[in-house]
Amino acid sequence: MKCILKVGCVAICLILSNIVLAVDCNSQCQLTQIEAYFTALDKMSRKGSSINDIDTLLSLTHDDVEYIHVAYGAHFTKVVGAKRLYETLNGVRIKTQVKIK
């Protein structure tokens, strides 16, 4: 459950930071993007998900996105966030608090 909550927080940050697409995208376009994002997030969060599911999720975000988790002191770029998602998928537990930009 904690993992899903964390991924949900990432999702919201990623969606809100995708300003470039939002400028050229009307409300229906934005709704379609949000639905696609949460569908990809749901698929990635389920048991049996794959690297391909993570890649699909990340493809829906802007390259300059940053994820900030105040409680853990984390500050991830998209690249570092992707690495963390891949590690989580492979069962690697991150034991240290990370502050990376």
PDB file of N, CA and C in Angstrom:
ATOM      1  N   MET A   1       0.819  -1.189   0.000  1.00  0.00           N
ATOM      2  CA  MET A   1       0.000   0.000   0.000  1.00  0.00           C
ATOM      3  C   MET A   1       0.866   1.257   0.000  1.00  0.00           C
ATOM      4  N   LYS A   2       1.962   1.253   0.798  1.00  0.00           N
ATOM      5  CA  LYS A   2       2.836   2.426   0.833  1.00  0.00           C
ATOM      6  C   LYS A   2       3.436   2.690  -0.539  1.00  0.00           C
ATOM      7  N   CYS A   3       3.793   1.618  -1.232  1.00  0.00           N
ATOM      8  CA  CYS A   3       4.387   1.755  -2.566  1.00  0.00           C
ATOM      9  C   CYS A   3       3.386   2.396  -3.523  1.00  0.00           C
ATOM     10  N   ILE A   4       2.137   1.954  -3.447  1.00  0.00           N
ATOM     11  CA  ILE A   4       1.111   2.507  -4.330  1.00  0.00           C
ATOM     12  C   ILE A   4       0.894   3.977  -4.016  1.00  0.00           C
ATOM     13  N   LEU A   5       0.899   4.326  -2.729  1.00  0.00           N
ATOM     14  CA  LEU A   5       0.741   5.723  -2.338  1.00  0.00           C
ATOM     15  C   LEU A   5       1.899   6.567  -2.856  1.00  0.00           C
ATOM     16  N   LYS A   6       3.118   6.049  -2.731  1.00  0.00           N
ATOM     17  CA  LYS A   6       4.294   6.778  -3.226  1.00  0.00           C
ATOM     18  C   LYS A   6       4.207   6.971  -4.726  1.00  0.00           C
ATOM     19  N   VAL A   7       3.829   5.905  -5.433  1.00  0.00           N
ATOM     20  CA  VAL A   7       3.730   5.987  -6.885  1.00  0.00           C
ATOM     21  C   VAL A   7       2.624   6.970  -7.268  1.00  0.00           C
ATOM     22  N   GLY A   8       1.548   6.994  -6.492  1.00  0.00           N
ATOM     23  CA  GLY A   8       0.468   7.950  -6.741  1.00  0.00           C
ATOM     24  C   GLY A   8       0.951   9.383  -6.608  1.00  0.00           C
ATOM     25  N   CYS A   9       1.771   9.623  -5.581  1.00  0.00           N
ATOM     26  CA  CYS A   9       2.338  10.961  -5.395  1.00  0.00           C
ATOM     27  C   CYS A   9       3.235  11.332  -6.566  1.00  0.00           C
ATOM     28  N   VAL A  10       4.011  10.369  -7.025  1.00  0.00           N
ATOM     29  CA  VAL A  10       4.865  10.592  -8.196  1.00  0.00           C
ATOM     30  C   VAL A  10       3.987  10.952  -9.388  1.00  0.00           C
ATOM     31  N   ALA A  11       2.901  10.222  -9.549  1.00  0.00           N
ATOM     32  CA  ALA A  11       2.011  10.452 -10.681  1.00  0.00           C
ATOM     33  C   ALA A  11       1.480  11.871 -10.701  1.00  0.00           C
ATOM     34  N   ILE A  12       1.031  12.328  -9.565  1.00  0.00           N
ATOM     35  CA  ILE A  12       0.478  13.677  -9.499  1.00  0.00           C
ATOM     36  C   ILE A  12       1.540  14.713  -9.832  1.00  0.00           C
ATOM     37  N   CYS A  13       2.740  14.531  -9.284  1.00  0.00           N
ATOM     38  CA  CYS A  13       3.832  15.469  -9.579  1.00  0.00           C
ATOM     39  C   CYS A  13       4.185  15.464 -11.060  1.00  0.00           C
ATOM     40  N   LEU A  14       4.209  14.274 -11.645  1.00  0.00           N
ATOM     41  CA  LEU A  14       4.565  14.167 -13.054  1.00  0.00           C
ATOM     42  C   LEU A  14       3.509  14.797 -13.948  1.00  0.00           C
ATOM     43  N   ILE A  15       2.262  14.594 -13.618  1.00  0.00           N
ATOM     44  CA  ILE A  15       1.190  15.175 -14.425  1.00  0.00           C
ATOM     45  C   ILE A  15       1.215  16.693 -14.332  1.00  0.00           C
ATOM     46  N   LEU A  16       1.362  17.195 -13.125  1.00  0.00           N
ATOM     47  CA  LEU A  16       1.345  18.643 -12.943  1.00  0.00           C
ATOM     48  C   LEU A  16       2.547  19.324 -13.578  1.00  0.00           C
ATOM     49  N   SER A  17       3.646  18.595 -13.734  1.00  0.00           N
ATOM     50  CA  SER A  17       4.847  19.208 -14.283  1.00  0.00           C
ATOM     51  C   SER A  17       4.902  19.160 -15.808  1.00  0.00           C
ATOM     52  N   ASN A  18       3.954  18.535 -16.414  1.00  0.00           N
ATOM     53  CA  ASN A  18       3.945  18.402 -17.867  1.00  0.00           C
ATOM     54  C   ASN A  18       3.265  19.608 -18.506  1.00  0.00           C
ATOM     55  N   ILE A  19       3.779  20.784 -18.227  1.00  0.00           N
ATOM     56  CA  ILE A  19       3.163  22.043 -18.650  1.00  0.00           C
ATOM     57  C   ILE A  19       3.195  22.212 -20.165  1.00  0.00           C
ATOM     58  N   VAL A  20       4.233  21.775 -20.815  1.00  0.00           N
ATOM     59  CA  VAL A  20       4.360  21.975 -22.255  1.00  0.00           C
ATOM     60  C   VAL A  20       3.182  21.367 -22.996  1.00  0.00           C
ATOM     61  N   LEU A  21       2.801  20.150 -22.646  1.00  0.00           N
ATOM     62  CA  LEU A  21       1.664  19.525 -23.308  1.00  0.00           C
ATOM     63  C   LEU A  21       0.357  20.209 -22.922  1.00  0.00           C
ATOM     64  N   ALA A  22       0.246  20.635 -21.699  1.00  0.00           N
ATOM     65  CA  ALA A  22      -0.987  21.253 -21.233  1.00  0.00           C
ATOM     66  C   ALA A  22      -1.283  22.557 -21.976  1.00  0.00           C
ATOM     67  N   VAL A  23      -0.264  23.285 -22.375  1.00  0.00           N
ATOM     68  CA  VAL A  23      -0.456  24.554 -23.069  1.00  0.00           C
ATOM     69  C   VAL A  23      -1.125  24.332 -24.425  1.00  0.00           C
ATOM     70  N   ASP A  24      -0.760  23.281 -25.131  1.00  0.00           N
ATOM     71  CA  ASP A  24      -1.291  23.009 -26.458  1.00  0.00           C
ATOM     72  C   ASP A  24      -2.396  21.961 -26.447  1.00  0.00           C
ATOM     73  N   CYS A  25      -2.979  21.702 -25.301  1.00  0.00           N
ATOM     74  CA  CYS A  25      -3.912  20.600 -25.170  1.00  0.00           C
ATOM     75  C   CYS A  25      -5.182  21.091 -24.461  1.00  0.00           C
ATOM     76  N   ASN A  26      -6.335  20.981 -25.122  1.00  0.00           N
ATOM     77  CA  ASN A  26      -7.583  21.427 -24.498  1.00  0.00           C
ATOM     78  C   ASN A  26      -7.990  20.469 -23.376  1.00  0.00           C
ATOM     79  N   SER A  27      -9.092  20.742 -22.716  1.00  0.00           N
ATOM     80  CA  SER A  27      -9.479  19.958 -21.542  1.00  0.00           C
ATOM     81  C   SER A  27      -9.735  18.489 -21.887  1.00  0.00           C
ATOM     82  N   GLN A  28     -10.312  18.201 -23.045  1.00  0.00           N
ATOM     83  CA  GLN A  28     -10.534  16.800 -23.422  1.00  0.00           C
ATOM     84  C   GLN A  28      -9.208  16.092 -23.658  1.00  0.00           C
ATOM     85  N   CYS A  29      -8.283  16.764 -24.293  1.00  0.00           N
ATOM     86  CA  CYS A  29      -6.943  16.219 -24.521  1.00  0.00           C
ATOM     87  C   CYS A  29      -6.256  15.938 -23.182  1.00  0.00           C
ATOM     88  N   GLN A  30      -6.364  16.872 -22.249  1.00  0.00           N
ATOM     89  CA  GLN A  30      -5.756  16.691 -20.934  1.00  0.00           C
ATOM     90  C   GLN A  30      -6.380  15.518 -20.192  1.00  0.00           C
ATOM     91  N   LEU A  31      -7.695  15.393 -20.274  1.00  0.00           N
ATOM     92  CA  LEU A  31      -8.376  14.279 -19.624  1.00  0.00           C
ATOM     93  C   LEU A  31      -7.905  12.949 -20.200  1.00  0.00           C
ATOM     94  N   THR A  32      -7.741  12.895 -21.494  1.00  0.00           N
ATOM     95  CA  THR A  32      -7.245  11.677 -22.141  1.00  0.00           C
ATOM     96  C   THR A  32      -5.840  11.333 -21.644  1.00  0.00           C
ATOM     97  N   GLN A  33      -4.989  12.351 -21.513  1.00  0.00           N
ATOM     98  CA  GLN A  33      -3.629  12.126 -21.017  1.00  0.00           C
ATOM     99  C   GLN A  33      -3.633  11.647 -19.563  1.00  0.00           C
ATOM    100  N   ILE A  34      -4.482  12.241 -18.754  1.00  0.00           N
ATOM    101  CA  ILE A  34      -4.563  11.852 -17.346  1.00  0.00           C
ATOM    102  C   ILE A  34      -5.058  10.410 -17.225  1.00  0.00           C
ATOM    103  N   GLU A  35      -6.069  10.063 -17.993  1.00  0.00           N
ATOM    104  CA  GLU A  35      -6.584   8.693 -17.962  1.00  0.00           C
ATOM    105  C   GLU A  35      -5.514   7.701 -18.408  1.00  0.00           C
ATOM    106  N   ALA A  36      -4.772   8.049 -19.455  1.00  0.00           N
ATOM    107  CA  ALA A  36      -3.690   7.177 -19.932  1.00  0.00           C
ATOM    108  C   ALA A  36      -2.622   7.012 -18.859  1.00  0.00           C
ATOM    109  N   TYR A  37      -2.305   8.111 -18.177  1.00  0.00           N
ATOM    110  CA  TYR A  37      -1.294   8.071 -17.129  1.00  0.00           C
ATOM    111  C   TYR A  37      -1.721   7.150 -15.995  1.00  0.00           C
ATOM    112  N   PHE A  38      -2.952   7.312 -15.505  1.00  0.00           N
ATOM    113  CA  PHE A  38      -3.401   6.494 -14.381  1.00  0.00           C
ATOM    114  C   PHE A  38      -3.611   5.036 -14.775  1.00  0.00           C
ATOM    115  N   THR A  39      -3.954   4.781 -16.023  1.00  0.00           N
ATOM    116  CA  THR A  39      -4.032   3.399 -16.506  1.00  0.00           C
ATOM    117  C   THR A  39      -2.639   2.775 -16.479  1.00  0.00           C
ATOM    118  N   ALA A  40      -1.646   3.510 -16.967  1.00  0.00           N
ATOM    119  CA  ALA A  40      -0.262   3.019 -16.960  1.00  0.00           C
ATOM    120  C   ALA A  40       0.247   2.864 -15.532  1.00  0.00           C
ATOM    121  N   LEU A  41      -0.088   3.794 -14.658  1.00  0.00           N
ATOM    122  CA  LEU A  41       0.317   3.725 -13.256  1.00  0.00           C
ATOM    123  C   LEU A  41      -0.283   2.496 -12.581  1.00  0.00           C
ATOM    124  N   ASP A  42      -1.553   2.245 -12.832  1.00  0.00           N
ATOM    125  CA  ASP A  42      -2.218   1.077 -12.255  1.00  0.00           C
ATOM    126  C   ASP A  42      -1.560  -0.216 -12.733  1.00  0.00           C
ATOM    127  N   LYS A  43      -1.289  -0.292 -14.023  1.00  0.00           N
ATOM    128  CA  LYS A  43      -0.667  -1.501 -14.576  1.00  0.00           C
ATOM    129  C   LYS A  43       0.731  -1.706 -13.991  1.00  0.00           C
ATOM    130  N   MET A  44       1.496  -0.623 -13.862  1.00  0.00           N
ATOM    131  CA  MET A  44       2.848  -0.724 -13.321  1.00  0.00           C
ATOM    132  C   MET A  44       2.837  -1.096 -11.847  1.00  0.00           C
ATOM    133  N   SER A  45       1.804  -0.711 -11.121  1.00  0.00           N
ATOM    134  CA  SER A  45       1.741  -0.941  -9.681  1.00  0.00           C
ATOM    135  C   SER A  45       1.307  -2.357  -9.311  1.00  0.00           C
ATOM    136  N   ARG A  46       0.860  -3.120 -10.262  1.00  0.00           N
ATOM    137  CA  ARG A  46       0.344  -4.460  -9.977  1.00  0.00           C
ATOM    138  C   ARG A  46       1.449  -5.516  -9.992  1.00  0.00           C
ATOM    139  N   LYS A  47       1.204  -6.566  -9.240  1.00  0.00           N
ATOM    140  CA  LYS A  47       2.129  -7.693  -9.227  1.00  0.00           C
ATOM    141  C   LYS A  47       2.248  -8.239 -10.651  1.00  0.00           C
ATOM    142  N   GLY A  48       3.472  -8.555 -11.042  1.00  0.00           N
ATOM    143  CA  GLY A  48       3.701  -9.075 -12.380  1.00  0.00           C
ATOM    144  C   GLY A  48       3.984  -7.991 -13.411  1.00  0.00           C
ATOM    145  N   SER A  49       4.101  -6.744 -12.966  1.00  0.00           N
ATOM    146  CA  SER A  49       4.405  -5.674 -13.914  1.00  0.00           C
ATOM    147  C   SER A  49       5.834  -5.848 -14.436  1.00  0.00           C
ATOM    148  N   SER A  50       6.125  -5.128 -15.503  1.00  0.00           N
ATOM    149  CA  SER A  50       7.419  -5.307 -16.163  1.00  0.00           C
ATOM    150  C   SER A  50       8.108  -3.961 -16.395  1.00  0.00           C
ATOM    151  N   ILE A  51       9.339  -4.037 -16.852  1.00  0.00           N
ATOM    152  CA  ILE A  51      10.080  -2.833 -17.225  1.00  0.00           C
ATOM    153  C   ILE A  51       9.325  -2.078 -18.314  1.00  0.00           C
ATOM    154  N   ASN A  52       8.710  -2.804 -19.202  1.00  0.00           N
ATOM    155  CA  ASN A  52       7.929  -2.181 -20.265  1.00  0.00           C
ATOM    156  C   ASN A  52       6.795  -1.333 -19.689  1.00  0.00           C
ATOM    157  N   ASP A  53       6.176  -1.798 -18.598  1.00  0.00           N
ATOM    158  CA  ASP A  53       5.105  -1.024 -17.951  1.00  0.00           C
ATOM    159  C   ASP A  53       5.654   0.277 -17.363  1.00  0.00           C
ATOM    160  N   ILE A  54       6.847   0.217 -16.776  1.00  0.00           N
ATOM    161  CA  ILE A  54       7.485   1.424 -16.242  1.00  0.00           C
ATOM    162  C   ILE A  54       7.813   2.384 -17.384  1.00  0.00           C
ATOM    163  N   ASP A  55       8.365   1.849 -18.456  1.00  0.00           N
ATOM    164  CA  ASP A  55       8.708   2.686 -19.610  1.00  0.00           C
ATOM    165  C   ASP A  55       7.466   3.371 -20.193  1.00  0.00           C
ATOM    166  N   THR A  56       6.359   2.642 -20.243  1.00  0.00           N
ATOM    167  CA  THR A  56       5.110   3.225 -20.742  1.00  0.00           C
ATOM    168  C   THR A  56       4.678   4.382 -19.852  1.00  0.00           C
ATOM    169  N   LEU A  57       4.735   4.171 -18.545  1.00  0.00           N
ATOM    170  CA  LEU A  57       4.375   5.221 -17.597  1.00  0.00           C
ATOM    171  C   LEU A  57       5.276   6.444 -17.772  1.00  0.00           C
ATOM    172  N   LEU A  58       6.573   6.220 -17.837  1.00  0.00           N
ATOM    173  CA  LEU A  58       7.518   7.335 -17.951  1.00  0.00           C
ATOM    174  C   LEU A  58       7.402   8.067 -19.284  1.00  0.00           C
ATOM    175  N   SER A  59       6.973   7.370 -20.318  1.00  0.00           N
ATOM    176  CA  SER A  59       6.831   8.016 -21.630  1.00  0.00           C
ATOM    177  C   SER A  59       5.730   9.076 -21.619  1.00  0.00           C
ATOM    178  N   LEU A  60       4.872   9.016 -20.626  1.00  0.00           N
ATOM    179  CA  LEU A  60       3.775   9.971 -20.524  1.00  0.00           C
ATOM    180  C   LEU A  60       4.152  11.226 -19.741  1.00  0.00           C
ATOM    181  N   THR A  61       5.411  11.330 -19.333  1.00  0.00           N
ATOM    182  CA  THR A  61       5.859  12.469 -18.539  1.00  0.00           C
ATOM    183  C   THR A  61       6.896  13.298 -19.293  1.00  0.00           C
ATOM    184  N   HIS A  62       7.039  14.521 -18.881  1.00  0.00           N
ATOM    185  CA  HIS A  62       8.006  15.439 -19.475  1.00  0.00           C
ATOM    186  C   HIS A  62       9.420  15.069 -19.009  1.00  0.00           C
ATOM    187  N   ASP A  63      10.415  15.285 -19.848  1.00  0.00           N
ATOM    188  CA  ASP A  63      11.801  14.941 -19.499  1.00  0.00           C
ATOM    189  C   ASP A  63      12.347  15.757 -18.338  1.00  0.00           C
ATOM    190  N   ASP A  64      11.809  16.949 -18.123  1.00  0.00           N
ATOM    191  CA  ASP A  64      12.307  17.812 -17.048  1.00  0.00           C
ATOM    192  C   ASP A  64      11.558  17.639 -15.730  1.00  0.00           C
ATOM    193  N   VAL A  65      10.718  16.630 -15.638  1.00  0.00           N
ATOM    194  CA  VAL A  65       9.939  16.426 -14.421  1.00  0.00           C
ATOM    195  C   VAL A  65      10.856  16.164 -13.227  1.00  0.00           C
ATOM    196  N   GLU A  66      10.452  16.655 -12.069  1.00  0.00           N
ATOM    197  CA  GLU A  66      11.179  16.400 -10.826  1.00  0.00           C
ATOM    198  C   GLU A  66      10.185  15.887  -9.799  1.00  0.00           C
ATOM    199  N   TYR A  67      10.606  14.917  -9.023  1.00  0.00           N
ATOM    200  CA  TYR A  67       9.777  14.346  -7.972  1.00  0.00           C
ATOM    201  C   TYR A  67      10.390  14.717  -6.631  1.00  0.00           C
ATOM    202  N   ILE A  68       9.591  15.343  -5.789  1.00  0.00           N
ATOM    203  CA  ILE A  68      10.068  15.746  -4.469  1.00  0.00           C
ATOM    204  C   ILE A  68       9.205  15.047  -3.425  1.00  0.00           C
ATOM    205  N   HIS A  69       9.841  14.309  -2.548  1.00  0.00           N
ATOM    206  CA  HIS A  69       9.130  13.631  -1.458  1.00  0.00           C
ATOM    207  C   HIS A  69       9.654  14.208  -0.149  1.00  0.00           C
ATOM    208  N   VAL A  70       8.874  15.086   0.440  1.00  0.00           N
ATOM    209  CA  VAL A  70       9.294  15.824   1.623  1.00  0.00           C
ATOM    210  C   VAL A  70       9.581  14.891   2.798  1.00  0.00           C
ATOM    211  N   ALA A  71       8.725  13.916   3.040  1.00  0.00           N
ATOM    212  CA  ALA A  71       8.881  13.027   4.196  1.00  0.00           C
ATOM    213  C   ALA A  71      10.179  12.230   4.138  1.00  0.00           C
ATOM    214  N   TYR A  72      10.617  11.864   2.954  1.00  0.00           N
ATOM    215  CA  TYR A  72      11.845  11.075   2.805  1.00  0.00           C
ATOM    216  C   TYR A  72      13.046  11.914   2.386  1.00  0.00           C
ATOM    217  N   GLY A  73      12.841  13.181   2.171  1.00  0.00           N
ATOM    218  CA  GLY A  73      13.934  14.042   1.759  1.00  0.00           C
ATOM    219  C   GLY A  73      14.452  13.712   0.368  1.00  0.00           C
ATOM    220  N   ALA A  74      13.582  13.182  -0.467  1.00  0.00           N
ATOM    221  CA  ALA A  74      13.985  12.772  -1.818  1.00  0.00           C
ATOM    222  C   ALA A  74      13.686  13.870  -2.830  1.00  0.00           C
ATOM    223  N   HIS A  75      14.569  14.013  -3.783  1.00  0.00           N
ATOM    224  CA  HIS A  75      14.389  14.955  -4.881  1.00  0.00           C
ATOM    225  C   HIS A  75      14.961  14.262  -6.110  1.00  0.00           C
ATOM    226  N   PHE A  76      14.077  13.707  -6.935  1.00  0.00           N
ATOM    227  CA  PHE A  76      14.501  12.903  -8.073  1.00  0.00           C
ATOM    228  C   PHE A  76      14.243  13.623  -9.391  1.00  0.00           C
ATOM    229  N   THR A  77      15.157  13.458 -10.309  1.00  0.00           N
ATOM    230  CA  THR A  77      14.898  13.803 -11.703  1.00  0.00           C
ATOM    231  C   THR A  77      14.159  12.613 -12.313  1.00  0.00           C
ATOM    232  N   LYS A  78      13.729  12.746 -13.544  1.00  0.00           N
ATOM    233  CA  LYS A  78      13.039  11.643 -14.214  1.00  0.00           C
ATOM    234  C   LYS A  78      13.955  10.427 -14.326  1.00  0.00           C
ATOM    235  N   VAL A  79      15.214  10.648 -14.641  1.00  0.00           N
ATOM    236  CA  VAL A  79      16.171   9.539 -14.798  1.00  0.00           C
ATOM    237  C   VAL A  79      16.359   8.787 -13.484  1.00  0.00           C
ATOM    238  N   VAL A  80      16.559   9.524 -12.404  1.00  0.00           N
ATOM    239  CA  VAL A  80      16.761   8.890 -11.096  1.00  0.00           C
ATOM    240  C   VAL A  80      15.467   8.221 -10.637  1.00  0.00           C
ATOM    241  N   GLY A  81      14.331   8.871 -10.855  1.00  0.00           N
ATOM    242  CA  GLY A  81      13.050   8.270 -10.499  1.00  0.00           C
ATOM    243  C   GLY A  81      12.817   6.973 -11.243  1.00  0.00           C
ATOM    244  N   ALA A  82      13.186   6.948 -12.520  1.00  0.00           N
ATOM    245  CA  ALA A  82      13.056   5.722 -13.305  1.00  0.00           C
ATOM    246  C   ALA A  82      13.923   4.620 -12.708  1.00  0.00           C
ATOM    247  N   LYS A  83      15.141   4.968 -12.337  1.00  0.00           N
ATOM    248  CA  LYS A  83      16.036   3.985 -11.726  1.00  0.00           C
ATOM    249  C   LYS A  83      15.416   3.406 -10.458  1.00  0.00           C
ATOM    250  N   ARG A  84      14.820   4.266  -9.646  1.00  0.00           N
ATOM    251  CA  ARG A  84      14.177   3.802  -8.403  1.00  0.00           C
ATOM    252  C   ARG A  84      13.006   2.865  -8.714  1.00  0.00           C
ATOM    253  N   LEU A  85      12.223   3.183  -9.728  1.00  0.00           N
ATOM    254  CA  LEU A  85      11.116   2.311 -10.111  1.00  0.00           C
ATOM    255  C   LEU A  85      11.624   0.957 -10.586  1.00  0.00           C
ATOM    256  N   TYR A  86      12.699   0.959 -11.384  1.00  0.00           N
ATOM    257  CA  TYR A  86      13.280  -0.313 -11.854  1.00  0.00           C
ATOM    258  C   TYR A  86      13.801  -1.131 -10.680  1.00  0.00           C
ATOM    259  N   GLU A  87      14.440  -0.457  -9.718  1.00  0.00           N
ATOM    260  CA  GLU A  87      14.958  -1.158  -8.538  1.00  0.00           C
ATOM    261  C   GLU A  87      13.813  -1.764  -7.728  1.00  0.00           C
ATOM    262  N   THR A  88      12.746  -1.012  -7.573  1.00  0.00           N
ATOM    263  CA  THR A  88      11.589  -1.515  -6.835  1.00  0.00           C
ATOM    264  C   THR A  88      10.993  -2.726  -7.536  1.00  0.00           C
ATOM    265  N   LEU A  89      10.920  -2.668  -8.853  1.00  0.00           N
ATOM    266  CA  LEU A  89      10.405  -3.785  -9.634  1.00  0.00           C
ATOM    267  C   LEU A  89      11.242  -5.040  -9.407  1.00  0.00           C
ATOM    268  N   ASN A  90      12.544  -4.855  -9.293  1.00  0.00           N
ATOM    269  CA  ASN A  90      13.453  -5.983  -9.111  1.00  0.00           C
ATOM    270  C   ASN A  90      13.632  -6.377  -7.650  1.00  0.00           C
ATOM    271  N   GLY A  91      12.872  -5.761  -6.747  1.00  0.00           N
ATOM    272  CA  GLY A  91      12.915  -6.143  -5.344  1.00  0.00           C
ATOM    273  C   GLY A  91      14.052  -5.542  -4.558  1.00  0.00           C
ATOM    274  N   VAL A  92      14.707  -4.534  -5.099  1.00  0.00           N
ATOM    275  CA  VAL A  92      15.794  -3.877  -4.381  1.00  0.00           C
ATOM    276  C   VAL A  92      15.179  -2.864  -3.430  1.00  0.00           C
ATOM    277  N   ARG A  93      15.538  -2.962  -2.173  1.00  0.00           N
ATOM    278  CA  ARG A  93      15.013  -2.022  -1.190  1.00  0.00           C
ATOM    279  C   ARG A  93      16.045  -0.911  -0.989  1.00  0.00           C
ATOM    280  N   ILE A  94      15.566   0.319  -1.056  1.00  0.00           N
ATOM    281  CA  ILE A  94      16.436   1.469  -0.846  1.00  0.00           C
ATOM    282  C   ILE A  94      16.463   1.746   0.653  1.00  0.00           C
ATOM    283  N   LYS A  95      17.618   1.560   1.268  1.00  0.00           N
ATOM    284  CA  LYS A  95      17.712   1.673   2.729  1.00  0.00           C
ATOM    285  C   LYS A  95      18.157   3.049   3.195  1.00  0.00           C
ATOM    286  N   THR A  96      18.641   3.869   2.297  1.00  0.00           N
ATOM    287  CA  THR A  96      19.090   5.187   2.698  1.00  0.00           C
ATOM    288  C   THR A  96      18.160   6.239   2.127  1.00  0.00           C
ATOM    289  N   GLN A  97      18.104   7.349   2.820  1.00  0.00           N
ATOM    290  CA  GLN A  97      17.339   8.460   2.266  1.00  0.00           C
ATOM    291  C   GLN A  97      18.184   9.089   1.180  1.00  0.00           C
ATOM    292  N   VAL A  98      17.541   9.485   0.131  1.00  0.00           N
ATOM    293  CA  VAL A  98      18.266   9.976  -1.034  1.00  0.00           C
ATOM    294  C   VAL A  98      17.870  11.411  -1.324  1.00  0.00           C
ATOM    295  N   LYS A  99      18.850  12.229  -1.613  1.00  0.00           N
ATOM    296  CA  LYS A  99      18.579  13.586  -2.096  1.00  0.00           C
ATOM    297  C   LYS A  99      19.440  13.772  -3.340  1.00  0.00           C
ATOM    298  N   ILE A 100      18.815  13.597  -4.476  1.00  0.00           N
ATOM    299  CA  ILE A 100      19.532  13.661  -5.742  1.00  0.00           C
ATOM    300  C   ILE A 100      18.805  14.653  -6.630  1.00  0.00           C
ATOM    301  N   LYS A 101      19.562  15.421  -7.342  1.00  0.00           N
ATOM    302  CA  LYS A 101      18.949  16.325  -8.325  1.00  0.00           C
ATOM    303  C   LYS A 101      19.709  16.239  -9.614  1.00  0.00           C
TER     304      LYS A 101
END
